[in-house]
Amino acid sequence: MSKSPDEDPPQRQTFTDRLGLDIHPPVFITSAALIVFFVILSLVSLETTGRVFDEIQAWIASRSRWFFILVVDLFLIFIVCVLFSRFAHIRLGGRDAKPDYSYWSWFSMLFSAGMGIGLLFYSVAEPIMHASAPPFHGVEAFSEQAVKDAMKLTYFHWGLHAWGIYALVGLALAYFAFNRGQPLTIRSAFRPLLGSKVDGPLGNLIDILAVVATLFGVATSLGLGVQQVNAGLGYLFGVSESATTQVLLITGITALATVSVVLGLDGGIRRLSEINLSVAAVLLVFVLFAGPTLFLLNGFVQNLGAYAQDFLRLSTWTETYQRTHWQESWTVFYWAWWIAWSPFVGMFIARISRGRTIREFLLGVLLVPTLMTFIWLSIFGNAALYEQLFGAGELAGEVQESVSVALFEMLEAYPLSKIASFLSVLVVITFFVTSSDSGSLVIDIITAGGNTDPPVPQRIFWAVLEGVVAAVLLLGGGLKALQTASITTGLPFAIVLLFMAYSLYKGLSSDLDIPTLHPPAKPKSKSTPKA
């Protein structure tokens, strides 16, 4: 039986120079040139760069709010439909494939890659900020309704919608790489839609967009993380909070990430992911039992119910009749950030998910990290709200002054606060390292044309460049610049993901007659036809 064109992997152009590099030149060179050009242009005039960031963010966010909200809803609906479809029993890698990692390692890497730094940065600050400045009309700051809405909105931003995006990209890449023999690159997911065109300029453009989006998405997280490390070191040791200090911290932590990148997926990323999840669990348990335990447990149950009850309303809310701009700094930023992260997280999830069925994959990616995220948000977010409502009542002012110091100010009310703050800094650093080295590995794979074990010099190059971009964004405008980077790169890639969803559906639908993709029917005789 002759093979269909879709079954043959494309011929990719590579070359090995004297440094032992293995790159796909159009993607590697163009992506690197665009990013380096951005760095140089920004450093020429940091003040001008900051103003440009502000203008870009305002223009894109105000005009694309409806699009981001609609498209992220569509991604989640698509994934839920696949979960309950006839495709759910397909095993990634074929029916005889076995998972490469235990559930503990798999979930550890999922959580570390998907949420890490940002969750630590916002888990205390975001509920306080929403409660102090309620987005809904007629709600007074820190009223009962304001506090309920604050936790509900925080759940919304970090819940199923985010993981729906990651699940879409991860499933598409895993399916086409492990079941269709395609290289592990973003372009491979578009072969049913574009055919041989994915091997040319159009495929190169898709991969270039993925590389740029990934790098700026990861750089956003690194920027947030280093601000919090700086705040923690300031709280513990009196280290000054400044752009210079943060650049030095980025340099040091990027060096650690580079070592992890060199060690590879099993030697570095997997072990670090397990370590930081364990340390985070210790911190979580400490806050649960050192803080208002019953309040936190009751809050988790109520927050979960409120999120479920208002899920549809929040998913389609666009501030149309309020004529305000709250969502531009919050929901639109988050959706763009998750989309910008999706090539990185999606490919990383695909890389570690061989051997899972589609149903197992989607349930694992959607439900387990979401539940872990909700537990974290409830404990830290409700602990912060409790301190504001029933404690000294000074946390809101501290958050307004510095978002990155919020976690440490909350911990100050607890026993052993210095130890807890030290653990927090340690967790941020380890999440920083795993985000950087995971992002570097993914970008390496894309720019090497799908080589899942690219040469070490390339890994070092991208790890260093991520740190440089994070530093430039901080120097060029701080948090606003980080938000702008995500929104700017997230918008075009959201369009790419729409076509990816359709291409995945088309690929799954056309492969129903390939036996290796599906469990065999019960044989009528002792012999079973081979695939």
Protein backbone atom coordinates (compact mmCIF):
# COMPACT_ATOMS: atom_id res chain seq x y z
CA MET A 1 0.00 0.00 0.00
CA SER A 2 1.46 3.34 -0.98
CA LYS A 3 1.99 6.01 1.65
CA SER A 4 0.09 9.24 1.60
CA PRO A 5 2.14 12.42 1.33
CA ASP A 6 1.15 13.28 4.89
CA GLU A 7 2.97 10.24 6.27
CA ASP A 8 6.44 11.16 5.06
CA PRO A 9 8.39 13.63 7.18
CA PRO A 10 9.60 16.67 5.28
CA GLN A 11 13.20 17.05 4.24
CA ARG A 12 14.62 19.80 6.38
CA GLN A 13 17.63 21.87 5.49
CA THR A 14 20.44 21.63 8.05
CA PHE A 15 24.14 22.21 8.11
CA THR A 16 26.91 21.51 10.60
CA ASP A 17 29.59 24.14 10.86
CA ARG A 18 32.84 24.03 12.76
CA LEU A 19 31.01 24.75 16.03
CA GLY A 20 28.90 21.63 15.62
CA LEU A 21 25.60 23.48 15.22
CA ASP A 22 22.48 21.84 13.82
CA ILE A 23 20.09 24.57 12.73
CA HIS A 24 17.33 25.21 10.23
CA PRO A 25 18.88 28.38 8.75
CA PRO A 26 15.78 30.37 7.67
CA VAL A 27 14.15 29.94 11.09
CA PHE A 28 17.22 30.22 13.30
CA ILE A 29 18.83 33.17 11.55
CA THR A 30 15.64 35.17 11.00
CA SER A 31 14.36 34.64 14.55
CA ALA A 32 17.69 35.49 16.13
CA ALA A 33 18.10 38.56 13.90
CA LEU A 34 14.63 39.90 14.77
CA ILE A 35 15.19 39.47 18.49
CA VAL A 36 18.72 40.93 18.46
CA PHE A 37 17.43 43.87 16.39
CA PHE A 38 14.77 44.48 19.04
CA VAL A 39 17.40 44.41 21.80
CA ILE A 40 19.71 46.87 20.00
CA LEU A 41 16.85 49.22 19.08
CA SER A 42 15.61 49.24 22.66
CA LEU A 43 19.05 49.91 24.15
CA VAL A 44 19.62 52.88 21.84
CA SER A 45 16.93 54.85 23.70
CA LEU A 46 15.32 53.19 26.70
CA GLU A 47 13.12 56.23 27.39
CA THR A 48 11.66 56.20 23.88
CA THR A 49 11.25 52.45 24.09
CA GLY A 50 9.16 52.83 27.24
CA ARG A 51 6.82 55.32 25.56
CA VAL A 52 6.46 53.11 22.51
CA PHE A 53 5.61 50.14 24.72
CA ASP A 54 2.83 52.14 26.37
CA GLU A 55 1.34 53.22 23.03
CA ILE A 56 1.50 49.74 21.48
CA GLN A 57 -0.08 48.09 24.49
CA ALA A 58 -2.94 50.62 24.63
CA TRP A 59 -3.64 50.39 20.88
CA ILE A 60 -3.62 46.60 20.60
CA ALA A 61 -5.44 45.90 23.87
CA SER A 62 -8.25 48.37 23.21
CA ARG A 63 -8.97 47.06 19.71
CA SER A 64 -8.46 43.33 20.17
CA ARG A 65 -10.23 42.74 23.49
CA TRP A 66 -13.23 41.04 21.85
CA PHE A 67 -10.95 38.89 19.71
CA PHE A 68 -8.78 37.59 22.55
CA ILE A 69 -11.81 36.74 24.68
CA LEU A 70 -13.65 35.00 21.83
CA VAL A 71 -10.69 33.07 20.49
CA VAL A 72 -9.61 31.72 23.89
CA ASP A 73 -13.20 30.55 24.49
CA LEU A 74 -13.10 28.75 21.14
CA PHE A 75 -9.84 26.99 22.02
CA LEU A 76 -11.33 25.63 25.24
CA ILE A 77 -14.56 24.53 23.51
CA PHE A 78 -12.53 22.73 20.84
CA ILE A 79 -10.45 20.85 23.42
CA VAL A 80 -13.53 19.77 25.38
CA CYS A 81 -15.12 18.52 22.16
CA VAL A 82 -12.01 16.45 21.35
CA LEU A 83 -12.00 15.07 24.91
CA PHE A 84 -15.45 13.55 24.37
CA SER A 85 -14.99 12.69 20.70
CA ARG A 86 -14.23 9.43 18.89
CA PHE A 87 -10.55 10.50 18.83
CA ALA A 88 -10.13 10.33 22.62
CA HIS A 89 -8.86 6.72 22.67
CA ILE A 90 -5.92 7.38 20.30
CA ARG A 91 -2.61 6.79 22.07
CA LEU A 92 0.16 9.29 21.36
CA GLY A 93 2.94 7.27 19.81
CA GLY A 94 0.78 4.33 18.73
CA ARG A 95 -1.23 1.76 20.63
CA ASP A 96 1.87 0.01 22.04
CA ALA A 97 3.59 3.18 23.27
CA LYS A 98 4.41 3.45 26.97
CA PRO A 99 4.65 6.72 28.95
CA ASP A 100 8.20 8.00 29.35
CA TYR A 101 7.55 9.50 32.80
CA SER A 102 5.62 8.63 35.94
CA TYR A 103 2.55 10.66 36.83
CA TRP A 104 4.51 12.54 39.52
CA SER A 105 7.27 13.57 37.11
CA TRP A 106 4.74 14.37 34.38
CA PHE A 107 2.57 16.58 36.61
CA SER A 108 5.65 18.24 38.14
CA MET A 109 6.96 19.27 34.73
CA LEU A 110 3.47 20.33 33.55
CA PHE A 111 2.97 22.63 36.49
CA SER A 112 6.51 24.04 36.55
CA ALA A 113 6.55 24.82 32.84
CA GLY A 114 2.99 26.12 32.64
CA MET A 115 2.53 28.47 35.58
CA GLY A 116 5.57 28.67 37.84
CA ILE A 117 6.89 32.19 38.25
CA GLY A 118 3.75 34.09 37.34
CA LEU A 119 1.66 32.19 39.87
CA LEU A 120 4.07 33.11 42.65
CA PHE A 121 4.12 36.72 41.50
CA TYR A 122 0.36 37.22 41.35
CA SER A 123 -1.13 34.74 43.86
CA VAL A 124 -1.08 37.31 46.69
CA ALA A 125 -1.10 40.55 44.71
CA GLU A 126 -3.91 39.88 42.23
CA PRO A 127 -6.76 39.16 44.71
CA ILE A 128 -5.74 42.20 46.77
CA MET A 129 -5.66 44.44 43.68
CA HIS A 130 -9.05 43.24 42.43
CA ALA A 131 -10.62 43.66 45.88
CA SER A 132 -9.17 47.14 46.36
CA ALA A 133 -10.29 48.34 42.89
CA PRO A 134 -13.37 46.24 41.94
CA PRO A 135 -13.93 46.07 38.17
CA PHE A 136 -17.71 45.79 38.49
CA HIS A 137 -19.80 48.94 38.96
CA GLY A 138 -21.47 49.53 42.30
CA VAL A 139 -19.12 47.29 44.27
CA GLU A 140 -17.24 48.91 47.15
CA ALA A 141 -13.59 48.13 47.81
CA PHE A 142 -13.05 45.21 50.19
CA SER A 143 -16.76 44.63 50.60
CA GLU A 144 -17.94 41.03 50.77
CA GLN A 145 -18.88 41.13 47.09
CA ALA A 146 -15.54 42.70 46.13
CA VAL A 147 -13.61 39.94 47.89
CA LYS A 148 -15.73 37.20 46.28
CA ASP A 149 -15.25 38.77 42.84
CA ALA A 150 -11.51 39.13 43.43
CA MET A 151 -10.98 35.41 43.99
CA LYS A 152 -13.39 34.46 41.20
CA LEU A 153 -11.54 36.64 38.68
CA THR A 154 -8.16 35.31 39.80
CA TYR A 155 -9.41 31.75 39.29
CA PHE A 156 -10.74 32.75 35.88
CA HIS A 157 -7.40 34.16 34.72
CA TRP A 158 -5.39 31.12 35.86
CA GLY A 159 -7.88 28.32 35.21
CA LEU A 160 -9.25 26.22 32.40
CA HIS A 161 -8.87 28.84 29.66
CA ALA A 162 -5.10 28.99 30.12
CA TRP A 163 -4.67 25.23 30.13
CA GLY A 164 -7.04 24.87 27.19
CA ILE A 165 -4.58 26.86 25.09
CA TYR A 166 -1.66 24.71 26.22
CA ALA A 167 -3.64 21.51 25.64
CA LEU A 168 -4.44 22.52 22.06
CA VAL A 169 -0.83 23.18 21.09
CA GLY A 170 0.54 20.22 23.05
CA LEU A 171 -1.94 17.76 21.55
CA ALA A 172 -1.38 18.98 17.99
CA LEU A 173 2.40 18.72 18.28
CA ALA A 174 2.38 15.36 20.08
CA TYR A 175 -0.06 13.81 17.62
CA PHE A 176 1.74 14.87 14.46
CA ALA A 177 5.19 14.07 15.87
CA PHE A 178 4.47 10.72 17.54
CA ASN A 179 1.65 9.36 15.37
CA ARG A 180 2.42 10.87 11.99
CA GLY A 181 6.23 10.88 12.08
CA GLN A 182 6.59 14.63 11.61
CA PRO A 183 9.42 16.70 13.13
CA LEU A 184 8.58 18.20 16.53
CA THR A 185 8.07 21.75 15.23
CA ILE A 186 5.07 24.05 15.11
CA ARG A 187 4.82 23.87 11.32
CA SER A 188 4.21 20.11 11.46
CA ALA A 189 0.75 20.68 12.92
CA PHE A 190 -0.30 22.41 9.69
CA ARG A 191 0.56 19.65 7.22
CA PRO A 192 -3.06 18.48 6.71
CA LEU A 193 -4.02 22.07 5.96
CA LEU A 194 -1.04 23.27 3.92
CA GLY A 195 0.47 20.06 2.56
CA SER A 196 3.99 20.45 1.19
CA LYS A 197 3.82 24.24 1.68
CA VAL A 198 4.83 23.72 5.31
CA ASP A 199 8.32 22.84 4.04
CA GLY A 200 8.75 26.25 2.42
CA PRO A 201 8.53 29.93 3.36
CA LEU A 202 5.04 29.60 4.87
CA GLY A 203 6.22 26.92 7.26
CA ASN A 204 9.29 28.98 8.10
CA LEU A 205 7.04 31.95 8.93
CA ILE A 206 4.96 29.82 11.31
CA ASP A 207 8.05 28.60 13.15
CA ILE A 208 9.54 32.10 13.30
CA LEU A 209 6.33 33.46 14.85
CA ALA A 210 6.45 30.60 17.36
CA VAL A 211 10.07 31.31 18.30
CA VAL A 212 9.51 35.05 18.77
CA ALA A 213 6.28 34.51 20.73
CA THR A 214 7.95 31.90 22.93
CA LEU A 215 10.98 34.01 23.69
CA PHE A 216 8.97 37.10 24.64
CA GLY A 217 6.49 35.03 26.61
CA VAL A 218 9.28 33.40 28.61
CA ALA A 219 11.08 36.74 28.98
CA THR A 220 7.89 38.17 30.51
CA SER A 221 7.90 35.46 33.16
CA LEU A 222 11.60 35.90 33.81
CA GLY A 223 11.08 39.63 34.28
CA LEU A 224 8.28 39.06 36.77
CA GLY A 225 10.31 36.43 38.58
CA VAL A 226 13.42 38.53 38.98
CA GLN A 227 11.37 41.42 40.40
CA GLN A 228 10.06 39.06 43.08
CA VAL A 229 13.51 37.62 43.80
CA ASN A 230 14.77 41.18 44.21
CA ALA A 231 11.89 41.99 46.58
CA GLY A 232 12.58 38.86 48.61
CA LEU A 233 16.29 39.58 48.89
CA GLY A 234 15.43 43.14 49.88
CA TYR A 235 13.15 41.86 52.62
CA LEU A 236 15.66 39.28 53.87
CA PHE A 237 19.00 41.03 53.44
CA GLY A 238 18.23 44.66 52.60
CA VAL A 239 19.26 44.37 48.94
CA SER A 240 18.10 47.47 47.07
CA GLU A 241 15.25 47.12 44.56
CA SER A 242 16.51 48.60 41.30
CA ALA A 243 16.84 47.83 37.63
CA THR A 244 20.60 47.33 38.08
CA THR A 245 20.09 44.75 40.81
CA GLN A 246 17.49 42.95 38.71
CA VAL A 247 19.78 42.81 35.68
CA LEU A 248 22.51 41.31 37.87
CA LEU A 249 20.04 38.77 39.22
CA ILE A 250 18.94 37.87 35.68
CA THR A 251 22.60 37.31 34.79
CA GLY A 252 23.20 35.00 37.74
CA ILE A 253 19.99 33.00 37.44
CA THR A 254 20.35 32.70 33.66
CA ALA A 255 23.77 31.16 34.30
CA LEU A 256 22.08 28.53 36.50
CA ALA A 257 19.47 27.96 33.80
CA THR A 258 22.24 27.49 31.25
CA VAL A 259 23.78 24.74 33.38
CA SER A 260 20.38 23.04 33.59
CA VAL A 261 19.95 23.35 29.82
CA VAL A 262 23.32 21.67 29.26
CA LEU A 263 22.30 18.79 31.55
CA GLY A 264 19.23 18.17 29.38
CA LEU A 265 15.62 17.15 29.99
CA ASP A 266 16.19 14.26 32.39
CA GLY A 267 19.35 15.50 34.09
CA GLY A 268 18.25 19.10 34.61
CA ILE A 269 14.67 20.07 33.84
CA ARG A 270 12.92 16.99 35.27
CA ARG A 271 14.89 16.98 38.51
CA LEU A 272 14.52 20.73 39.03
CA SER A 273 10.79 20.50 38.34
CA GLU A 274 10.39 17.83 41.00
CA ILE A 275 12.51 19.81 43.46
CA ASN A 276 10.67 23.11 43.01
CA LEU A 277 7.27 21.42 43.22
CA SER A 278 8.35 19.77 46.48
CA VAL A 279 9.63 23.06 47.95
CA ALA A 280 6.47 24.84 46.78
CA ALA A 281 4.38 22.16 48.50
CA VAL A 282 6.26 22.77 51.77
CA LEU A 283 5.57 26.51 51.46
CA LEU A 284 1.92 25.85 50.68
CA VAL A 285 1.46 23.59 53.71
CA PHE A 286 3.21 26.16 55.92
CA VAL A 287 0.84 28.96 54.90
CA LEU A 288 -2.17 26.66 55.25
CA PHE A 289 -1.40 25.70 58.85
CA ALA A 290 0.39 28.85 60.03
CA GLY A 291 -2.40 31.01 58.65
CA PRO A 292 -6.18 30.99 59.20
CA THR A 293 -6.63 27.32 58.27
CA LEU A 294 -10.42 27.06 58.46
CA PHE A 295 -10.85 30.34 56.58
CA LEU A 296 -8.57 29.06 53.80
CA LEU A 297 -10.31 25.68 53.50
CA ASN A 298 -13.77 27.26 53.50
CA GLY A 299 -12.57 29.80 50.95
CA PHE A 300 -11.33 27.11 48.57
CA VAL A 301 -14.75 25.43 48.45
CA GLN A 302 -16.61 28.73 48.01
CA ASN A 303 -14.18 30.06 45.41
CA LEU A 304 -14.51 26.88 43.38
CA GLY A 305 -18.31 27.15 43.42
CA ALA A 306 -18.27 30.83 42.48
CA TYR A 307 -15.93 30.14 39.56
CA ALA A 308 -18.18 27.32 38.28
CA GLN A 309 -21.38 29.37 38.66
CA ASP A 310 -20.07 32.43 36.81
CA PHE A 311 -17.88 30.60 34.30
CA LEU A 312 -19.97 31.42 31.20
CA ARG A 313 -20.57 35.03 32.22
CA LEU A 314 -16.90 35.72 32.83
CA SER A 315 -15.91 33.90 29.62
CA THR A 316 -17.98 36.29 27.50
CA TRP A 317 -17.63 39.51 29.50
CA THR A 318 -16.04 42.35 27.48
CA GLU A 319 -16.89 45.51 29.50
CA THR A 320 -19.05 46.62 26.59
CA TYR A 321 -21.55 48.64 28.63
CA GLN A 322 -19.16 49.83 31.32
CA ARG A 323 -16.85 51.56 28.84
CA THR A 324 -13.87 50.96 31.12
CA HIS A 325 -10.41 49.57 30.44
CA TRP A 326 -9.84 47.14 33.29
CA GLN A 327 -9.68 44.09 31.06
CA GLU A 328 -6.92 45.54 28.92
CA SER A 329 -4.48 45.32 31.82
CA TRP A 330 -5.78 42.03 33.15
CA THR A 331 -7.78 39.55 31.04
CA VAL A 332 -6.37 40.62 27.67
CA PHE A 333 -2.83 40.57 29.08
CA TYR A 334 -3.31 37.11 30.53
CA TRP A 335 -4.86 35.63 27.39
CA ALA A 336 -2.08 37.11 25.25
CA TRP A 337 0.54 35.90 27.73
CA TRP A 338 -0.80 32.34 27.68
CA ILE A 339 -0.94 32.39 23.87
CA ALA A 340 2.63 33.70 23.68
CA TRP A 341 3.68 30.90 26.06
CA SER A 342 1.73 28.23 24.17
CA PRO A 343 4.45 27.19 21.67
CA PHE A 344 6.86 26.74 24.57
CA VAL A 345 4.50 25.01 27.00
CA GLY A 346 2.70 23.09 24.25
CA MET A 347 5.87 21.68 22.76
CA PHE A 348 7.28 20.91 26.19
CA ILE A 349 4.05 19.10 27.14
CA ALA A 350 4.17 17.18 23.86
CA ARG A 351 7.81 16.25 24.45
CA ILE A 352 7.00 14.61 27.81
CA SER A 353 3.62 13.03 26.92
CA ARG A 354 4.41 10.16 24.57
CA GLY A 355 2.44 7.07 25.54
CA ARG A 356 -0.64 8.87 26.92
CA THR A 357 -4.04 8.51 25.25
CA ILE A 358 -5.64 11.71 24.03
CA ARG A 359 -8.26 11.45 26.79
CA GLU A 360 -5.58 10.88 29.43
CA PHE A 361 -3.51 13.71 27.98
CA LEU A 362 -6.38 16.22 27.95
CA LEU A 363 -7.69 15.28 31.39
CA GLY A 364 -4.17 15.51 32.81
CA VAL A 365 -3.33 18.82 31.16
CA LEU A 366 -6.71 20.47 31.82
CA LEU A 367 -7.72 19.26 35.26
CA VAL A 368 -4.67 18.40 37.36
CA PRO A 369 -2.63 21.63 36.89
CA THR A 370 -5.84 23.69 37.10
CA LEU A 371 -6.79 22.08 40.41
CA MET A 372 -3.25 22.56 41.75
CA THR A 373 -3.37 26.19 40.65
CA PHE A 374 -6.73 26.76 42.37
CA ILE A 375 -5.45 25.25 45.62
CA TRP A 376 -2.41 27.54 45.50
CA LEU A 377 -4.49 30.63 44.68
CA SER A 378 -7.02 29.90 47.40
CA ILE A 379 -4.43 29.43 50.12
CA PHE A 380 -2.20 32.39 49.23
CA GLY A 381 -4.93 34.68 47.90
CA ASN A 382 -7.32 34.10 50.79
CA ALA A 383 -4.47 34.37 53.30
CA ALA A 384 -3.69 37.81 51.86
CA LEU A 385 -7.34 38.87 51.95
CA TYR A 386 -7.68 37.64 55.53
CA GLU A 387 -4.65 39.71 56.55
CA GLN A 388 -6.12 42.78 54.87
CA LEU A 389 -9.64 42.32 56.25
CA PHE A 390 -8.95 41.04 59.74
CA GLY A 391 -5.27 41.73 60.36
CA ALA A 392 -3.24 44.94 60.23
CA GLY A 393 -4.98 46.04 57.02
CA GLU A 394 -1.80 47.38 55.48
CA LEU A 395 -1.27 44.82 52.73
CA ALA A 396 -3.27 46.70 50.08
CA GLY A 397 -1.05 49.75 50.48
CA GLU A 398 2.09 47.63 50.22
CA VAL A 399 0.78 45.96 47.06
CA GLN A 400 -0.01 49.31 45.46
CA GLU A 401 3.52 50.43 46.21
CA SER A 402 5.19 47.25 44.92
CA VAL A 403 3.41 44.21 43.50
CA SER A 404 6.51 42.05 43.78
CA VAL A 405 6.80 42.53 47.55
CA ALA A 406 3.23 41.40 48.30
CA LEU A 407 4.07 37.78 49.12
CA PHE A 408 6.80 38.73 51.59
CA GLU A 409 4.67 41.37 53.31
CA MET A 410 1.96 38.76 53.86
CA LEU A 411 4.42 36.22 55.26
CA GLU A 412 5.71 38.81 57.73
CA ALA A 413 2.57 38.29 59.84
CA TYR A 414 3.40 34.57 60.27
CA PRO A 415 5.82 32.78 62.60
CA LEU A 416 9.16 31.83 61.05
CA SER A 417 8.52 34.51 58.43
CA LYS A 418 12.19 34.78 57.46
CA ILE A 419 12.41 31.06 56.75
CA ALA A 420 9.15 31.16 54.78
CA SER A 421 10.39 34.13 52.77
CA PHE A 422 13.67 32.35 52.07
CA LEU A 423 11.71 29.32 50.81
CA SER A 424 9.66 31.66 48.62
CA VAL A 425 12.79 33.14 47.05
CA LEU A 426 14.12 29.62 46.50
CA VAL A 427 10.88 28.55 44.80
CA VAL A 428 10.93 31.62 42.53
CA ILE A 429 14.55 30.95 41.55
CA THR A 430 13.92 27.28 40.75
CA PHE A 431 10.80 28.17 38.75
CA PHE A 432 12.89 30.84 37.01
CA VAL A 433 15.50 28.24 36.06
CA THR A 434 12.98 25.63 34.84
CA SER A 435 11.08 28.24 32.79
CA SER A 436 14.28 29.48 31.18
CA ASP A 437 15.79 26.08 30.40
CA SER A 438 12.48 24.62 29.21
CA GLY A 439 11.94 27.63 26.95
CA SER A 440 15.47 27.37 25.62
CA LEU A 441 15.04 23.69 24.85
CA VAL A 442 11.81 24.32 22.96
CA ILE A 443 13.25 27.18 20.92
CA ASP A 444 16.29 25.00 20.16
CA ILE A 445 14.05 22.24 18.86
CA ILE A 446 12.10 24.60 16.60
CA THR A 447 15.18 26.34 15.20
CA ALA A 448 16.92 22.98 14.67
CA GLY A 449 14.09 21.80 12.43
CA GLY A 450 12.64 19.37 14.97
CA ASN A 451 15.84 17.85 16.38
CA THR A 452 14.79 16.98 19.94
CA ASP A 453 18.40 16.88 21.15
CA PRO A 454 20.02 19.99 19.66
CA PRO A 455 23.71 20.76 20.28
CA VAL A 456 24.66 22.39 23.60
CA PRO A 457 25.98 25.70 22.10
CA GLN A 458 22.54 26.41 20.66
CA ARG A 459 20.87 25.81 24.02
CA ILE A 460 23.31 28.20 25.67
CA PHE A 461 22.69 30.84 23.00
CA TRP A 462 18.92 30.87 23.50
CA ALA A 463 19.13 30.70 27.31
CA VAL A 464 21.40 33.76 27.30
CA LEU A 465 19.22 35.62 24.78
CA GLU A 466 16.11 35.04 26.94
CA GLY A 467 17.89 36.64 29.87
CA VAL A 468 19.04 39.57 27.73
CA VAL A 469 15.50 40.24 26.45
CA ALA A 470 14.07 40.06 29.98
CA ALA A 471 16.68 42.58 31.15
CA VAL A 472 15.97 44.94 28.24
CA LEU A 473 12.22 44.80 28.89
CA LEU A 474 12.76 45.66 32.55
CA LEU A 475 15.08 48.54 31.68
CA GLY A 476 12.71 49.76 28.98
CA GLY A 477 9.53 50.00 31.03
CA GLY A 478 9.24 47.38 33.76
CA LEU A 479 5.92 45.62 34.18
CA LYS A 480 4.23 47.63 31.41
CA ALA A 481 6.92 46.58 28.94
CA LEU A 482 6.55 42.93 29.97
CA GLN A 483 2.78 43.11 29.40
CA THR A 484 3.26 44.81 26.04
CA ALA A 485 5.70 42.15 24.86
CA SER A 486 3.16 39.42 25.58
CA ILE A 487 0.20 41.20 23.98
CA THR A 488 2.16 42.17 20.86
CA THR A 489 3.44 38.66 20.19
CA GLY A 490 0.26 36.93 21.37
CA LEU A 491 -2.05 38.62 18.86
CA PRO A 492 -0.61 37.21 15.60
CA PHE A 493 -0.04 33.82 17.16
CA ALA A 494 -3.67 33.62 18.26
CA ILE A 495 -4.58 33.59 14.57
CA VAL A 496 -2.02 30.82 13.99
CA LEU A 497 -3.65 28.74 16.73
CA LEU A 498 -7.08 29.03 15.10
CA PHE A 499 -5.72 27.39 11.97
CA MET A 500 -3.84 24.86 14.10
CA ALA A 501 -7.11 23.70 15.70
CA TYR A 502 -8.72 23.21 12.31
CA SER A 503 -5.64 21.41 10.97
CA LEU A 504 -5.60 19.07 13.98
CA TYR A 505 -9.27 18.21 13.47
CA LYS A 506 -8.65 17.62 9.77
CA GLY A 507 -5.68 15.39 10.52
CA LEU A 508 -7.53 13.33 13.12
CA SER A 509 -10.56 12.95 10.86
CA SER A 510 -8.54 11.78 7.87
CA ASP A 511 -6.65 9.15 9.85
CA LEU A 512 -9.50 7.01 11.10
CA ASP A 513 -8.47 4.21 8.73
CA ILE A 514 -4.87 3.97 10.01
CA PRO A 515 -4.80 0.98 12.41
CA THR A 516 -1.73 2.11 14.37
CA LEU A 517 -3.67 5.11 15.64
CA HIS A 518 -6.51 3.16 17.21
CA PRO A 519 -7.10 0.15 19.40
CA PRO A 520 -7.74 -2.88 17.20
CA ALA A 521 -11.22 -4.30 16.99
CA LYS A 522 -11.76 -7.61 18.77
CA PRO A 523 -10.49 -10.24 16.31
CA LYS A 524 -12.86 -12.88 15.02
CA SER A 525 -10.00 -15.38 14.80
CA LYS A 526 -6.70 -15.87 16.59
CA SER A 527 -4.80 -13.89 13.99
CA THR A 528 -4.77 -10.10 14.14
CA PRO A 529 -3.90 -8.08 11.03
CA LYS A 530 -0.76 -6.07 11.43
CA ALA A 531 -0.74 -2.28 11.03
